[in-house]
Amino acid sequence: MSKRTGYRGYIGSRAYHGGSVAQHVQNLVVRDYCQRNGFTYLLSATEYAMPGSYMMLHEILREAKDIHGVVLYSVFMLPVRQGRRLELCQRFLENGATLHGALESLSITCKTDLRKVDEMLVLNQHVNHS
């Protein structure tokens, strides 16, 4: 079994949750979250700008057994489609990696956390599409 390193940052180059934030600002938020929580910060992976692209998040999943977790700039960066989102997050958890939303100060460390965050995201989608 390999020794786990730190927490990989995850930022994006497209608008999330109705707004666009510069990448250097996203990195500042991720690094601050890591510092406040005593996490060793690993350089951020930047998601592609194409709508619906989660290629970099899948690349991070490939290293999930070697890292403690992922610090996303925001949980709203997770896949919009619920099935994809749950499957991806569960795969991180199964590999012993946690997920964190720096902007919201939320952690997904177990299935209960995942359910709560998922409910929040689903409710938000319904409110924004009403």
C-alpha atoms as a PDB file:
ATOM      1  CA  MET A   1       0.000   0.000   0.000  1.00  0.00           C
ATOM      2  CA  SER A   2       1.379   3.370  -0.981  1.00  0.00           C
ATOM      3  CA  LYS A   3       1.611   6.296   1.358  1.00  0.00           C
ATOM      4  CA  ARG A   4      -1.000   8.935   0.573  1.00  0.00           C
ATOM      5  CA  THR A   5       0.178  12.423  -0.245  1.00  0.00           C
ATOM      6  CA  GLY A   6      -1.980  15.540   0.098  1.00  0.00           C
ATOM      7  CA  TYR A   7      -5.117  17.025  -1.407  1.00  0.00           C
ATOM      8  CA  ARG A   8      -5.334  17.749  -5.128  1.00  0.00           C
ATOM      9  CA  GLY A   9      -6.938  21.077  -6.025  1.00  0.00           C
ATOM     10  CA  TYR A  10      -9.603  21.200  -8.736  1.00  0.00           C
ATOM     11  CA  ILE A  11     -10.487  24.435 -10.482  1.00  0.00           C
ATOM     12  CA  GLY A  12     -12.282  25.262 -13.709  1.00  0.00           C
ATOM     13  CA  SER A  13     -12.161  27.467 -16.744  1.00  0.00           C
ATOM     14  CA  ARG A  14     -15.915  27.814 -17.315  1.00  0.00           C
ATOM     15  CA  ALA A  15     -18.806  29.359 -15.384  1.00  0.00           C
ATOM     16  CA  TYR A  16     -20.183  27.387 -12.444  1.00  0.00           C
ATOM     17  CA  HIS A  17     -23.352  28.104 -10.502  1.00  0.00           C
ATOM     18  CA  GLY A  18     -24.171  31.099 -12.640  1.00  0.00           C
ATOM     19  CA  GLY A  19     -20.832  32.852 -12.424  1.00  0.00           C
ATOM     20  CA  SER A  20     -17.301  32.831 -13.680  1.00  0.00           C
ATOM     21  CA  VAL A  21     -14.322  33.243 -11.343  1.00  0.00           C
ATOM     22  CA  ALA A  22     -10.740  33.775 -12.494  1.00  0.00           C
ATOM     23  CA  GLN A  23      -8.552  30.693 -12.109  1.00  0.00           C
ATOM     24  CA  HIS A  24      -6.021  32.457  -9.880  1.00  0.00           C
ATOM     25  CA  VAL A  25      -8.855  33.428  -7.505  1.00  0.00           C
ATOM     26  CA  GLN A  26     -10.152  29.838  -7.485  1.00  0.00           C
ATOM     27  CA  ASN A  27      -6.638  28.667  -6.591  1.00  0.00           C
ATOM     28  CA  LEU A  28      -6.446  31.181  -3.748  1.00  0.00           C
ATOM     29  CA  VAL A  29      -9.722  29.862  -2.316  1.00  0.00           C
ATOM     30  CA  VAL A  30      -8.550  26.227  -2.624  1.00  0.00           C
ATOM     31  CA  ARG A  31      -5.145  26.954  -1.051  1.00  0.00           C
ATOM     32  CA  ASP A  32      -6.744  28.918   1.788  1.00  0.00           C
ATOM     33  CA  TYR A  33      -9.143  26.029   2.484  1.00  0.00           C
ATOM     34  CA  CYS A  34      -6.222  23.599   2.594  1.00  0.00           C
ATOM     35  CA  GLN A  35      -4.249  25.859   4.917  1.00  0.00           C
ATOM     36  CA  ARG A  36      -7.201  26.400   7.294  1.00  0.00           C
ATOM     37  CA  ASN A  37      -7.773  22.636   7.508  1.00  0.00           C
ATOM     38  CA  GLY A  38      -4.120  21.605   7.816  1.00  0.00           C
ATOM     39  CA  PHE A  39      -4.120  19.853   4.432  1.00  0.00           C
ATOM     40  CA  THR A  40      -1.044  19.450   2.286  1.00  0.00           C
ATOM     41  CA  TYR A  41      -2.000  21.204  -0.949  1.00  0.00           C
ATOM     42  CA  LEU A  42      -1.148  19.569  -4.255  1.00  0.00           C
ATOM     43  CA  LEU A  43      -1.249  21.692  -7.394  1.00  0.00           C
ATOM     44  CA  SER A  44      -4.683  22.113  -8.901  1.00  0.00           C
ATOM     45  CA  ALA A  45      -5.926  20.353 -11.984  1.00  0.00           C
ATOM     46  CA  THR A  46      -7.837  22.720 -14.259  1.00  0.00           C
ATOM     47  CA  GLU A  47     -10.966  21.411 -15.943  1.00  0.00           C
ATOM     48  CA  TYR A  48     -11.455  22.060 -19.638  1.00  0.00           C
ATOM     49  CA  ALA A  49     -13.835  24.833 -20.697  1.00  0.00           C
ATOM     50  CA  MET A  50     -16.078  22.548 -22.793  1.00  0.00           C
ATOM     51  CA  PRO A  51     -19.571  22.239 -21.262  1.00  0.00           C
ATOM     52  CA  GLY A  52     -20.076  18.890 -19.576  1.00  0.00           C
ATOM     53  CA  SER A  53     -16.364  18.063 -19.536  1.00  0.00           C
ATOM     54  CA  TYR A  54     -15.070  16.285 -16.444  1.00  0.00           C
ATOM     55  CA  MET A  55     -11.927  14.804 -17.979  1.00  0.00           C
ATOM     56  CA  MET A  56      -9.573  16.321 -15.416  1.00  0.00           C
ATOM     57  CA  LEU A  57     -11.764  15.187 -12.518  1.00  0.00           C
ATOM     58  CA  HIS A  58     -11.584  11.661 -13.950  1.00  0.00           C
ATOM     59  CA  GLU A  59      -7.796  12.021 -14.178  1.00  0.00           C
ATOM     60  CA  ILE A  60      -7.720  12.910 -10.473  1.00  0.00           C
ATOM     61  CA  LEU A  61      -9.846   9.819  -9.793  1.00  0.00           C
ATOM     62  CA  ARG A  62      -7.042   7.745 -11.322  1.00  0.00           C
ATOM     63  CA  GLU A  63      -4.745   8.943  -8.518  1.00  0.00           C
ATOM     64  CA  ALA A  64      -7.402   8.639  -5.772  1.00  0.00           C
ATOM     65  CA  LYS A  65      -5.591   5.785  -4.009  1.00  0.00           C
ATOM     66  CA  ASP A  66      -2.472   7.939  -3.722  1.00  0.00           C
ATOM     67  CA  ILE A  67      -4.009  11.155  -2.366  1.00  0.00           C
ATOM     68  CA  HIS A  68      -6.061  12.022   0.704  1.00  0.00           C
ATOM     69  CA  GLY A  69      -8.674  13.788  -1.363  1.00  0.00           C
ATOM     70  CA  VAL A  70      -9.745  16.545  -3.721  1.00  0.00           C
ATOM     71  CA  VAL A  71     -10.463  20.163  -2.855  1.00  0.00           C
ATOM     72  CA  LEU A  72     -12.823  21.508  -5.492  1.00  0.00           C
ATOM     73  CA  TYR A  73     -13.202  25.251  -5.762  1.00  0.00           C
ATOM     74  CA  SER A  74     -16.959  24.602  -5.411  1.00  0.00           C
ATOM     75  CA  VAL A  75     -19.201  21.549  -5.083  1.00  0.00           C
ATOM     76  CA  PHE A  76     -21.148  23.073  -7.989  1.00  0.00           C
ATOM     77  CA  MET A  77     -18.260  21.900 -10.191  1.00  0.00           C
ATOM     78  CA  LEU A  78     -19.400  18.298  -9.753  1.00  0.00           C
ATOM     79  CA  PRO A  79     -21.288  16.731 -12.665  1.00  0.00           C
ATOM     80  CA  VAL A  80     -24.762  18.185 -13.156  1.00  0.00           C
ATOM     81  CA  ARG A  81     -26.331  14.810 -13.955  1.00  0.00           C
ATOM     82  CA  GLN A  82     -27.105  13.187 -10.630  1.00  0.00           C
ATOM     83  CA  GLY A  83     -26.227   9.627 -11.673  1.00  0.00           C
ATOM     84  CA  ARG A  84     -22.794  10.662 -12.935  1.00  0.00           C
ATOM     85  CA  ARG A  85     -22.197  12.817  -9.874  1.00  0.00           C
ATOM     86  CA  LEU A  86     -23.065  10.067  -7.394  1.00  0.00           C
ATOM     87  CA  GLU A  87     -21.057   7.429  -9.258  1.00  0.00           C
ATOM     88  CA  LEU A  88     -17.979   9.642  -9.453  1.00  0.00           C
ATOM     89  CA  CYS A  89     -18.131  10.698  -5.804  1.00  0.00           C
ATOM     90  CA  GLN A  90     -18.710   7.127  -4.639  1.00  0.00           C
ATOM     91  CA  ARG A  91     -15.656   5.985  -6.592  1.00  0.00           C
ATOM     92  CA  PHE A  92     -13.523   8.589  -4.807  1.00  0.00           C
ATOM     93  CA  LEU A  93     -14.865   7.438  -1.431  1.00  0.00           C
ATOM     94  CA  GLU A  94     -14.334   3.751  -2.295  1.00  0.00           C
ATOM     95  CA  ASN A  95     -10.697   4.576  -3.038  1.00  0.00           C
ATOM     96  CA  GLY A  96     -10.295   6.255   0.351  1.00  0.00           C
ATOM     97  CA  ALA A  97     -10.271   9.829  -0.987  1.00  0.00           C
ATOM     98  CA  THR A  98     -12.524  12.573   0.344  1.00  0.00           C
ATOM     99  CA  LEU A  99     -14.006  15.512  -1.567  1.00  0.00           C
ATOM    100  CA  HIS A 100     -14.225  19.088  -0.331  1.00  0.00           C
ATOM    101  CA  GLY A 101     -15.941  22.193  -1.651  1.00  0.00           C
ATOM    102  CA  ALA A 102     -13.700  25.074  -0.624  1.00  0.00           C
ATOM    103  CA  LEU A 103     -16.144  27.876  -1.404  1.00  0.00           C
ATOM    104  CA  GLU A 104     -18.947  26.272   0.612  1.00  0.00           C
ATOM    105  CA  SER A 105     -16.677  24.751   3.295  1.00  0.00           C
ATOM    106  CA  LEU A 106     -18.334  21.366   2.709  1.00  0.00           C
ATOM    107  CA  SER A 107     -16.758  17.933   3.015  1.00  0.00           C
ATOM    108  CA  ILE A 108     -17.802  14.600   1.554  1.00  0.00           C
ATOM    109  CA  THR A 109     -16.130  11.983   3.708  1.00  0.00           C
ATOM    110  CA  CYS A 110     -18.871   9.326   3.755  1.00  0.00           C
ATOM    111  CA  LYS A 111     -22.118   8.339   2.026  1.00  0.00           C
ATOM    112  CA  THR A 112     -24.169  10.438   4.455  1.00  0.00           C
ATOM    113  CA  ASP A 113     -22.185  13.553   3.510  1.00  0.00           C
ATOM    114  CA  LEU A 114     -22.614  12.677  -0.158  1.00  0.00           C
ATOM    115  CA  ARG A 115     -26.386  12.371   0.274  1.00  0.00           C
ATOM    116  CA  LYS A 116     -26.571  15.802   1.958  1.00  0.00           C
ATOM    117  CA  VAL A 117     -24.477  17.533  -0.704  1.00  0.00           C
ATOM    118  CA  ASP A 118     -26.401  15.782  -3.465  1.00  0.00           C
ATOM    119  CA  GLU A 119     -29.732  16.912  -1.979  1.00  0.00           C
ATOM    120  CA  MET A 120     -28.434  20.476  -1.881  1.00  0.00           C
ATOM    121  CA  LEU A 121     -27.363  20.316  -5.534  1.00  0.00           C
ATOM    122  CA  VAL A 122     -30.662  18.751  -6.662  1.00  0.00           C
ATOM    123  CA  LEU A 123     -32.675  21.388  -4.769  1.00  0.00           C
ATOM    124  CA  ASN A 124     -30.584  24.114  -6.301  1.00  0.00           C
ATOM    125  CA  GLN A 125     -31.193  22.731  -9.798  1.00  0.00           C
ATOM    126  CA  HIS A 126     -34.956  22.695  -9.168  1.00  0.00           C
ATOM    127  CA  VAL A 127     -34.976  26.253  -7.833  1.00  0.00           C
ATOM    128  CA  ASN A 128     -32.924  27.549 -10.761  1.00  0.00           C
ATOM    129  CA  HIS A 129     -35.123  25.790 -13.331  1.00  0.00           C
ATOM    130  CA  SER A 130     -38.460  26.880 -11.837  1.00  0.00           C
END
